[in-house]
């Protein structure tokens, strides 16, 4: 089995048994809607490792739970130029009642 196949199998196993989901949920719960975060800030807040935060953020961005800014900003922790991420504010739509 190739390394790529093994990595994919390990990822699917972790995500299917809920460990990946709980990591993503931990990140989502740490993010306040409308506030922007760098990956390093989320690592510090959640206590998770860099690779875990990076993977879960990419997944959350792909599923549109989290958005990534297009412009770069200097990270207050690493001082590197990075794209911040944010959880959009909830949009409350008024239900239309049929007459």
N, C-alpha and C. Protein backbone atom coordinates (compact mmCIF):
# COMPACT_ATOMS: atom_id res chain seq x y z
N UNK A 1 0.85 -1.17 0.00
CA UNK A 1 0.00 0.00 0.00
C UNK A 1 0.90 1.24 0.00
N UNK A 2 0.60 2.21 -0.87
CA UNK A 2 1.40 3.42 -0.98
C UNK A 2 1.18 4.32 0.24
N UNK A 3 2.14 5.20 0.49
CA UNK A 3 2.06 6.10 1.63
C UNK A 3 0.82 6.98 1.52
N UNK A 4 0.54 7.46 0.31
CA UNK A 4 -0.63 8.31 0.10
C UNK A 4 -1.91 7.56 0.46
N UNK A 5 -2.01 6.29 0.05
CA UNK A 5 -3.19 5.48 0.36
C UNK A 5 -3.32 5.25 1.87
N UNK A 6 -2.19 5.00 2.52
CA UNK A 6 -2.19 4.78 3.96
C UNK A 6 -2.64 6.04 4.70
N UNK A 7 -2.14 7.20 4.28
CA UNK A 7 -2.53 8.46 4.90
C UNK A 7 -4.02 8.72 4.71
N UNK A 8 -4.52 8.46 3.52
CA UNK A 8 -5.94 8.66 3.24
C UNK A 8 -6.79 7.72 4.08
N UNK A 9 -6.37 6.48 4.21
CA UNK A 9 -7.10 5.51 5.01
C UNK A 9 -7.11 5.92 6.49
N UNK A 10 -5.98 6.39 6.99
CA UNK A 10 -5.89 6.84 8.39
C UNK A 10 -6.80 8.04 8.62
N UNK A 11 -6.82 8.98 7.67
CA UNK A 11 -7.67 10.16 7.79
C UNK A 11 -9.14 9.75 7.83
N UNK A 12 -9.54 8.88 6.91
CA UNK A 12 -10.93 8.45 6.85
C UNK A 12 -11.34 7.71 8.12
N UNK A 13 -10.45 6.90 8.65
CA UNK A 13 -10.74 6.17 9.88
C UNK A 13 -10.95 7.13 11.05
N UNK A 14 -10.05 8.11 11.17
CA UNK A 14 -10.18 9.09 12.25
C UNK A 14 -11.45 9.90 12.11
N UNK A 15 -11.77 10.32 10.90
CA UNK A 15 -12.94 11.17 10.72
C UNK A 15 -14.22 10.37 10.91
N UNK A 16 -14.25 9.13 10.46
CA UNK A 16 -15.45 8.32 10.58
C UNK A 16 -15.74 7.94 12.02
N UNK A 17 -14.70 7.77 12.84
CA UNK A 17 -14.97 7.39 14.23
C UNK A 17 -15.20 8.60 15.12
N UNK A 18 -15.25 9.79 14.53
CA UNK A 18 -15.62 10.99 15.28
C UNK A 18 -14.48 11.83 15.79
N UNK A 19 -13.24 11.34 15.74
CA UNK A 19 -12.13 12.13 16.29
C UNK A 19 -11.89 13.38 15.46
N UNK A 20 -11.98 13.25 14.13
CA UNK A 20 -11.81 14.42 13.27
C UNK A 20 -12.93 15.41 13.45
N UNK A 21 -14.13 14.89 13.63
CA UNK A 21 -15.28 15.77 13.82
C UNK A 21 -15.16 16.54 15.12
N UNK A 22 -14.70 15.87 16.17
CA UNK A 22 -14.59 16.56 17.45
C UNK A 22 -13.50 17.64 17.39
N UNK A 23 -12.45 17.42 16.61
CA UNK A 23 -11.40 18.43 16.46
C UNK A 23 -11.94 19.65 15.72
N UNK A 24 -12.70 19.40 14.65
CA UNK A 24 -13.29 20.50 13.89
C UNK A 24 -14.29 21.26 14.77
N UNK A 25 -15.05 20.54 15.54
CA UNK A 25 -16.03 21.17 16.43
C UNK A 25 -15.33 21.99 17.51
N UNK A 26 -14.21 21.50 18.00
CA UNK A 26 -13.43 22.23 19.00
C UNK A 26 -12.97 23.57 18.44
N UNK A 27 -12.54 23.57 17.18
CA UNK A 27 -12.10 24.81 16.54
C UNK A 27 -13.29 25.74 16.35
N UNK A 28 -14.40 25.21 15.86
CA UNK A 28 -15.59 26.04 15.65
C UNK A 28 -16.08 26.68 16.95
N UNK A 29 -16.07 25.91 18.02
CA UNK A 29 -16.52 26.43 19.31
C UNK A 29 -15.58 27.51 19.84
N UNK A 30 -14.30 27.43 19.49
CA UNK A 30 -13.32 28.42 19.95
C UNK A 30 -13.44 29.74 19.19
N UNK A 31 -14.04 29.70 18.01
CA UNK A 31 -14.15 30.89 17.17
C UNK A 31 -15.45 31.64 17.45
N UNK A 32 -15.32 32.92 17.77
CA UNK A 32 -16.52 33.75 17.92
C UNK A 32 -16.92 34.25 16.54
N UNK A 33 -18.20 34.20 16.20
CA UNK A 33 -18.64 34.67 14.88
C UNK A 33 -18.23 36.12 14.63
N UNK A 34 -17.69 36.37 13.45
CA UNK A 34 -17.29 37.71 13.07
C UNK A 34 -15.87 38.09 13.45
N UNK A 35 -15.25 37.37 14.38
CA UNK A 35 -13.88 37.67 14.78
C UNK A 35 -12.91 36.89 13.89
N UNK A 36 -11.79 37.50 13.54
CA UNK A 36 -10.82 36.88 12.64
C UNK A 36 -9.64 36.32 13.43
N UNK A 37 -9.18 35.14 13.01
CA UNK A 37 -8.11 34.42 13.71
C UNK A 37 -7.04 33.96 12.73
N UNK A 38 -5.80 33.89 13.22
CA UNK A 38 -4.75 33.22 12.45
C UNK A 38 -4.70 31.77 12.94
N UNK A 39 -4.05 30.95 12.17
CA UNK A 39 -3.92 29.54 12.57
C UNK A 39 -3.17 29.43 13.90
N UNK A 40 -2.13 30.23 14.07
CA UNK A 40 -1.35 30.18 15.31
C UNK A 40 -2.21 30.58 16.51
N UNK A 41 -3.10 31.54 16.33
CA UNK A 41 -3.99 31.93 17.43
C UNK A 41 -4.92 30.79 17.79
N UNK A 42 -5.45 30.09 16.79
CA UNK A 42 -6.34 28.96 17.06
C UNK A 42 -5.59 27.80 17.71
N UNK A 43 -4.33 27.61 17.33
CA UNK A 43 -3.51 26.57 17.98
C UNK A 43 -3.37 26.89 19.47
N UNK A 44 -3.12 28.15 19.78
CA UNK A 44 -2.93 28.57 21.17
C UNK A 44 -4.24 28.45 21.96
N UNK A 45 -5.35 28.87 21.35
CA UNK A 45 -6.65 28.83 22.03
C UNK A 45 -7.11 27.40 22.30
N UNK A 46 -6.95 26.53 21.29
CA UNK A 46 -7.46 25.15 21.41
C UNK A 46 -6.47 24.19 22.05
N UNK A 47 -5.19 24.53 22.01
CA UNK A 47 -4.16 23.63 22.52
C UNK A 47 -3.87 22.48 21.56
N UNK A 48 -4.35 22.62 20.33
CA UNK A 48 -4.14 21.58 19.32
C UNK A 48 -2.84 21.83 18.56
N UNK A 49 -2.30 20.77 17.96
CA UNK A 49 -1.08 20.87 17.17
C UNK A 49 -1.34 21.56 15.84
N UNK A 50 -0.29 22.12 15.27
CA UNK A 50 -0.38 22.88 14.02
C UNK A 50 -0.99 22.06 12.88
N UNK A 51 -0.54 20.82 12.72
CA UNK A 51 -1.04 19.98 11.63
C UNK A 51 -2.53 19.68 11.79
N UNK A 52 -2.98 19.52 13.02
CA UNK A 52 -4.39 19.24 13.28
C UNK A 52 -5.25 20.45 12.97
N UNK A 53 -4.80 21.61 13.42
CA UNK A 53 -5.56 22.84 13.17
C UNK A 53 -5.61 23.12 11.67
N UNK A 54 -4.49 22.98 11.00
CA UNK A 54 -4.42 23.23 9.56
C UNK A 54 -5.38 22.32 8.79
N UNK A 55 -5.35 21.04 9.10
CA UNK A 55 -6.23 20.09 8.42
C UNK A 55 -7.70 20.35 8.66
N UNK A 56 -8.05 20.62 9.91
CA UNK A 56 -9.46 20.88 10.23
C UNK A 56 -9.92 22.21 9.63
N UNK A 57 -9.05 23.23 9.61
CA UNK A 57 -9.43 24.50 9.00
C UNK A 57 -9.68 24.34 7.51
N UNK A 58 -8.81 23.60 6.83
CA UNK A 58 -9.02 23.37 5.40
C UNK A 58 -10.35 22.66 5.16
N UNK A 59 -10.67 21.73 6.00
CA UNK A 59 -11.93 21.02 5.88
C UNK A 59 -13.12 21.95 6.15
N UNK A 60 -13.03 22.75 7.19
CA UNK A 60 -14.11 23.69 7.54
C UNK A 60 -14.30 24.75 6.46
N UNK A 61 -13.20 25.20 5.86
CA UNK A 61 -13.29 26.16 4.75
C UNK A 61 -13.96 25.49 3.55
N UNK A 62 -13.58 24.26 3.27
CA UNK A 62 -14.19 23.51 2.16
C UNK A 62 -15.68 23.30 2.33
N UNK A 63 -16.11 23.14 3.56
CA UNK A 63 -17.53 22.93 3.85
C UNK A 63 -18.27 24.25 4.11
N UNK A 64 -17.54 25.36 3.99
CA UNK A 64 -18.08 26.72 4.13
C UNK A 64 -18.59 27.05 5.53
N UNK A 65 -18.08 26.36 6.55
CA UNK A 65 -18.39 26.72 7.93
C UNK A 65 -17.49 27.87 8.39
N UNK A 66 -16.33 27.97 7.75
CA UNK A 66 -15.34 29.00 8.05
C UNK A 66 -14.89 29.59 6.73
N UNK A 67 -14.62 30.90 6.72
CA UNK A 67 -14.14 31.58 5.51
C UNK A 67 -12.71 32.03 5.73
N UNK A 68 -11.95 32.08 4.62
CA UNK A 68 -10.56 32.52 4.67
C UNK A 68 -10.46 33.86 3.94
N UNK A 69 -9.81 34.84 4.57
CA UNK A 69 -9.61 36.14 3.93
C UNK A 69 -8.68 36.00 2.73
N UNK A 70 -8.90 36.84 1.72
CA UNK A 70 -8.02 36.81 0.55
C UNK A 70 -6.75 37.62 0.79
N UNK A 71 -6.85 38.71 1.56
CA UNK A 71 -5.66 39.52 1.82
C UNK A 71 -4.87 38.93 2.99
N UNK A 72 -3.59 39.19 2.97
CA UNK A 72 -2.72 38.69 4.03
C UNK A 72 -2.55 39.73 5.13
N UNK A 73 -2.40 39.24 6.35
CA UNK A 73 -2.20 40.06 7.54
C UNK A 73 -1.05 39.47 8.33
N UNK A 74 -0.32 40.31 9.05
CA UNK A 74 0.78 39.80 9.86
C UNK A 74 0.24 39.16 11.13
N UNK A 75 0.65 37.91 11.37
CA UNK A 75 0.20 37.18 12.56
C UNK A 75 0.87 37.78 13.80
N UNK A 76 0.08 38.06 14.85
CA UNK A 76 0.67 38.62 16.06
C UNK A 76 1.58 37.65 16.81
N UNK A 77 1.44 36.36 16.54
CA UNK A 77 2.25 35.36 17.24
C UNK A 77 3.52 35.02 16.46
N UNK A 78 3.36 34.66 15.17
CA UNK A 78 4.51 34.22 14.37
C UNK A 78 5.18 35.35 13.60
N UNK A 79 4.50 36.47 13.46
CA UNK A 79 4.96 37.64 12.69
C UNK A 79 5.04 37.36 11.19
N UNK A 80 4.52 36.23 10.73
CA UNK A 80 4.50 35.90 9.30
C UNK A 80 3.23 36.47 8.67
N UNK A 81 3.27 36.69 7.35
CA UNK A 81 2.08 37.12 6.63
C UNK A 81 1.19 35.90 6.41
N UNK A 82 -0.06 36.00 6.84
CA UNK A 82 -0.97 34.86 6.77
C UNK A 82 -2.36 35.31 6.33
N UNK A 83 -3.16 34.35 5.92
CA UNK A 83 -4.57 34.59 5.62
C UNK A 83 -5.37 34.21 6.86
N UNK A 84 -6.08 35.17 7.44
CA UNK A 84 -6.87 34.87 8.63
C UNK A 84 -8.15 34.15 8.23
N UNK A 85 -8.75 33.47 9.19
CA UNK A 85 -10.02 32.78 8.98
C UNK A 85 -11.05 33.35 9.94
N UNK A 86 -12.30 33.21 9.58
CA UNK A 86 -13.36 33.70 10.44
C UNK A 86 -14.62 32.88 10.24
N UNK A 87 -15.40 32.84 11.28
CA UNK A 87 -16.71 32.18 11.25
C UNK A 87 -17.72 33.27 10.96
N UNK A 88 -18.47 33.15 9.87
CA UNK A 88 -19.42 34.22 9.53
C UNK A 88 -20.51 34.35 10.59
N UNK A 89 -21.00 35.56 10.72
CA UNK A 89 -22.11 35.80 11.64
C UNK A 89 -23.33 35.08 11.11
N UNK A 90 -24.14 34.57 12.02
CA UNK A 90 -25.37 33.87 11.61
C UNK A 90 -26.32 34.86 10.96
N UNK A 91 -26.91 34.45 9.87
CA UNK A 91 -27.88 35.28 9.18
C UNK A 91 -29.25 34.76 9.53
N UNK A 92 -30.03 35.60 10.13
CA UNK A 92 -31.38 35.19 10.53
C UNK A 92 -32.37 35.69 9.49
N UNK A 93 -33.02 34.77 8.86
CA UNK A 93 -34.01 35.13 7.85
C UNK A 93 -35.40 35.01 8.48
N UNK A 94 -36.23 35.98 8.20
CA UNK A 94 -37.60 35.94 8.71
C UNK A 94 -38.41 34.99 7.83
N UNK A 95 -39.13 34.12 8.45
CA UNK A 95 -39.96 33.18 7.71
C UNK A 95 -41.19 33.91 7.19
N UNK A 96 -41.49 33.68 5.94
CA UNK A 96 -42.69 34.28 5.36
C UNK A 96 -43.87 33.34 5.59
N UNK A 97 -44.90 33.88 6.09
CA UNK A 97 -46.09 33.09 6.36
C UNK A 97 -47.04 33.26 5.21
N UNK A 98 -47.44 32.14 4.61
CA UNK A 98 -48.38 32.18 3.49
C UNK A 98 -49.78 32.53 4.01
N UNK A 99 -50.41 33.45 3.32
CA UNK A 99 -51.75 33.88 3.75
C UNK A 99 -52.81 33.00 3.16
